[in-house]
């Protein structure tokens, strides 16, 4: 059995957004139980030069949307980075997952060999669709999901490895 690029990207992205959605619920519960403003979590960061929780959710969303667009050639929705609350972050997660769910598998036809150029500060890198998905897209997406996990955990929200791994088939 061979895996298509759809098979290695869409389910992984959706699983990641399920985890982030769950995390927003746990964050709200932790703030309520602790008697503090949940905005503290929205603005929390691991280190001063890192982006806050809101930014981690926004970057995960942007990575997923842009990647789907690069792999399929489809137009992607644009979301302003204006979320300042846990419910707004949950909304962004839901909108991103809805977009991804709406992309038909057929849109990924021949995407494995599609040439994708990404411009970095150090210069441009050209990938094939498959190398882009495996070497850039998924690692970048999971960096932001993991960092969101770490921010919440660092701030006392009860999330752990089993929550990060998400639902099991």
Protein backbone atom coordinates (compact mmCIF):
# COMPACT_ATOMS: atom_id res chain seq x y z
CA UNK A 1 0.00 0.00 0.00
CA UNK A 2 1.35 3.39 -0.89
CA UNK A 3 0.49 6.59 0.90
CA UNK A 4 -0.58 9.67 -1.00
CA UNK A 5 0.51 13.15 -0.01
CA UNK A 6 -3.08 13.70 1.14
CA UNK A 7 -2.75 10.68 3.45
CA UNK A 8 0.40 12.00 5.11
CA UNK A 9 -0.75 15.60 5.50
CA UNK A 10 -4.49 16.09 5.96
CA UNK A 11 -5.07 13.53 8.75
CA UNK A 12 -1.94 14.75 10.58
CA UNK A 13 -3.04 18.37 10.38
CA UNK A 14 -6.56 17.58 11.52
CA UNK A 15 -5.25 15.52 14.42
CA UNK A 16 -3.03 18.43 15.45
CA UNK A 17 -5.98 20.81 15.39
CA UNK A 18 -8.04 18.37 17.46
CA UNK A 19 -5.24 18.45 20.03
CA UNK A 20 -5.07 22.26 19.99
CA UNK A 21 -8.85 22.49 20.37
CA UNK A 22 -8.67 20.18 23.39
CA UNK A 23 -5.86 22.32 24.82
CA UNK A 24 -7.95 25.49 24.58
CA UNK A 25 -10.65 23.77 26.66
CA UNK A 26 -8.12 22.63 29.27
CA UNK A 27 -6.62 26.14 29.37
CA UNK A 28 -10.04 27.70 30.02
CA UNK A 29 -10.73 25.15 32.76
CA UNK A 30 -7.34 25.81 34.37
CA UNK A 31 -7.91 29.58 34.39
CA UNK A 32 -11.37 29.18 35.88
CA UNK A 33 -10.18 26.72 38.53
CA UNK A 34 -7.20 28.91 39.36
CA UNK A 35 -9.21 32.11 39.46
CA UNK A 36 -7.07 33.98 36.96
CA UNK A 37 -7.73 35.74 33.68
CA UNK A 38 -7.29 33.28 30.77
CA UNK A 39 -5.68 36.09 28.77
CA UNK A 40 -2.60 35.35 30.86
CA UNK A 41 -2.36 32.02 29.01
CA UNK A 42 -3.13 33.56 25.62
CA UNK A 43 -0.16 35.89 26.09
CA UNK A 44 2.15 33.39 27.80
CA UNK A 45 5.43 32.45 26.17
CA UNK A 46 8.32 30.18 27.06
CA UNK A 47 11.01 32.78 26.56
CA UNK A 48 10.92 36.52 25.85
CA UNK A 49 12.02 36.16 22.22
CA UNK A 50 9.43 33.45 21.42
CA UNK A 51 5.91 34.12 20.25
CA UNK A 52 3.07 33.73 22.72
CA UNK A 53 0.43 30.98 22.78
CA UNK A 54 -1.83 33.00 20.48
CA UNK A 55 1.01 33.27 17.96
CA UNK A 56 1.71 29.53 18.14
CA UNK A 57 -1.92 28.78 17.25
CA UNK A 58 -1.85 31.39 14.48
CA UNK A 59 1.39 29.98 13.01
CA UNK A 60 0.05 26.41 13.13
CA UNK A 61 -3.04 27.65 11.29
CA UNK A 62 -1.02 29.63 8.74
CA UNK A 63 1.36 26.73 8.14
CA UNK A 64 -1.50 24.32 7.52
CA UNK A 65 -3.45 26.65 5.22
CA UNK A 66 -0.43 27.78 3.21
CA UNK A 67 0.82 24.22 2.85
CA UNK A 68 -2.51 23.01 1.51
CA UNK A 69 -2.40 25.87 -0.97
CA UNK A 70 1.15 25.14 -2.05
CA UNK A 71 0.44 21.44 -2.49
CA UNK A 72 -2.87 21.82 -4.34
CA UNK A 73 -2.74 25.22 -5.98
CA UNK A 74 -6.01 26.13 -4.26
CA UNK A 75 -6.78 29.56 -2.88
CA UNK A 76 -6.51 29.60 0.90
CA UNK A 77 -8.50 31.72 3.33
CA UNK A 78 -6.74 34.60 5.02
CA UNK A 79 -7.24 35.07 8.75
CA UNK A 80 -6.05 38.23 10.48
CA UNK A 81 -3.92 37.50 13.54
CA UNK A 82 -6.31 39.28 15.90
CA UNK A 83 -7.21 36.54 18.40
CA UNK A 84 -6.89 37.75 21.98
CA UNK A 85 -8.92 35.14 23.88
CA UNK A 86 -9.17 31.38 24.20
CA UNK A 87 -12.61 31.32 22.49
CA UNK A 88 -11.18 33.30 19.57
CA UNK A 89 -8.27 30.86 19.31
CA UNK A 90 -10.74 27.96 19.36
CA UNK A 91 -12.59 29.70 16.53
CA UNK A 92 -9.41 30.01 14.49
CA UNK A 93 -8.63 26.34 15.06
CA UNK A 94 -12.16 25.39 13.94
CA UNK A 95 -12.04 27.60 10.81
CA UNK A 96 -8.69 26.15 9.81
CA UNK A 97 -9.84 22.56 10.33
CA UNK A 98 -13.03 23.29 8.39
CA UNK A 99 -10.98 24.58 5.46
CA UNK A 100 -8.74 21.52 5.49
CA UNK A 101 -11.70 19.11 5.71
CA UNK A 102 -13.21 20.81 2.69
CA UNK A 103 -10.24 20.15 0.41
CA UNK A 104 -11.01 17.10 -1.72
CA UNK A 105 -8.44 14.34 -1.94
CA UNK A 106 -8.45 14.78 -5.73
CA UNK A 107 -7.00 18.28 -5.31
CA UNK A 108 -3.73 16.65 -4.23
CA UNK A 109 -3.35 14.71 -7.50
CA UNK A 110 0.25 14.91 -8.75
CA UNK A 111 1.26 17.07 -5.78
CA UNK A 112 4.12 14.74 -4.79
CA UNK A 113 6.28 16.10 -7.59
CA UNK A 114 4.99 19.68 -7.55
CA UNK A 115 7.86 22.16 -7.26
CA UNK A 116 7.54 24.36 -4.17
CA UNK A 117 9.92 27.21 -3.47
CA UNK A 118 10.12 28.69 0.02
CA UNK A 119 12.01 31.89 0.63
CA UNK A 120 13.94 32.03 3.88
CA UNK A 121 16.18 34.82 5.17
CA UNK A 122 19.21 32.78 4.14
CA UNK A 123 17.81 32.24 0.63
CA UNK A 124 15.25 30.22 -1.29
CA UNK A 125 14.87 26.45 -1.03
CA UNK A 126 13.09 24.38 -3.64
CA UNK A 127 11.26 21.23 -2.60
CA UNK A 128 9.19 18.63 -4.33
CA UNK A 129 5.71 18.33 -2.85
CA UNK A 130 6.67 15.21 -0.93
CA UNK A 131 9.93 16.62 0.42
CA UNK A 132 8.14 19.85 1.35
CA UNK A 133 5.49 17.93 3.31
CA UNK A 134 7.95 15.69 5.11
CA UNK A 135 10.93 18.02 5.60
CA UNK A 136 9.28 21.38 6.18
CA UNK A 137 5.49 21.45 6.51
CA UNK A 138 4.94 18.72 9.10
CA UNK A 139 7.99 19.58 11.24
CA UNK A 140 7.03 23.28 11.22
CA UNK A 141 3.39 22.53 12.07
CA UNK A 142 4.34 20.22 14.91
CA UNK A 143 6.86 22.73 16.25
CA UNK A 144 3.99 25.15 16.87
CA UNK A 145 1.66 22.49 18.28
CA UNK A 146 4.43 21.30 20.62
CA UNK A 147 5.30 24.83 21.69
CA UNK A 148 1.61 25.51 22.48
CA UNK A 149 1.65 22.33 24.60
CA UNK A 150 4.82 23.44 26.37
CA UNK A 151 3.50 26.95 27.08
CA UNK A 152 0.36 25.55 28.65
CA UNK A 153 2.20 22.88 30.60
CA UNK A 154 4.73 25.43 31.83
CA UNK A 155 1.83 27.54 33.10
CA UNK A 156 0.23 24.72 35.06
CA UNK A 157 -2.40 23.51 32.59
CA UNK A 158 -2.85 19.78 33.06
CA UNK A 159 -1.90 18.44 29.64
CA UNK A 160 0.51 15.62 29.01
CA UNK A 161 1.97 13.33 26.38
CA UNK A 162 -1.24 11.31 25.97
CA UNK A 163 -3.12 14.55 25.26
CA UNK A 164 -0.49 15.60 22.73
CA UNK A 165 -0.67 12.29 20.93
CA UNK A 166 -4.43 12.75 20.67
CA UNK A 167 -7.02 10.16 19.83
CA UNK A 168 -5.80 6.70 19.00
CA UNK A 169 -7.16 4.79 16.05
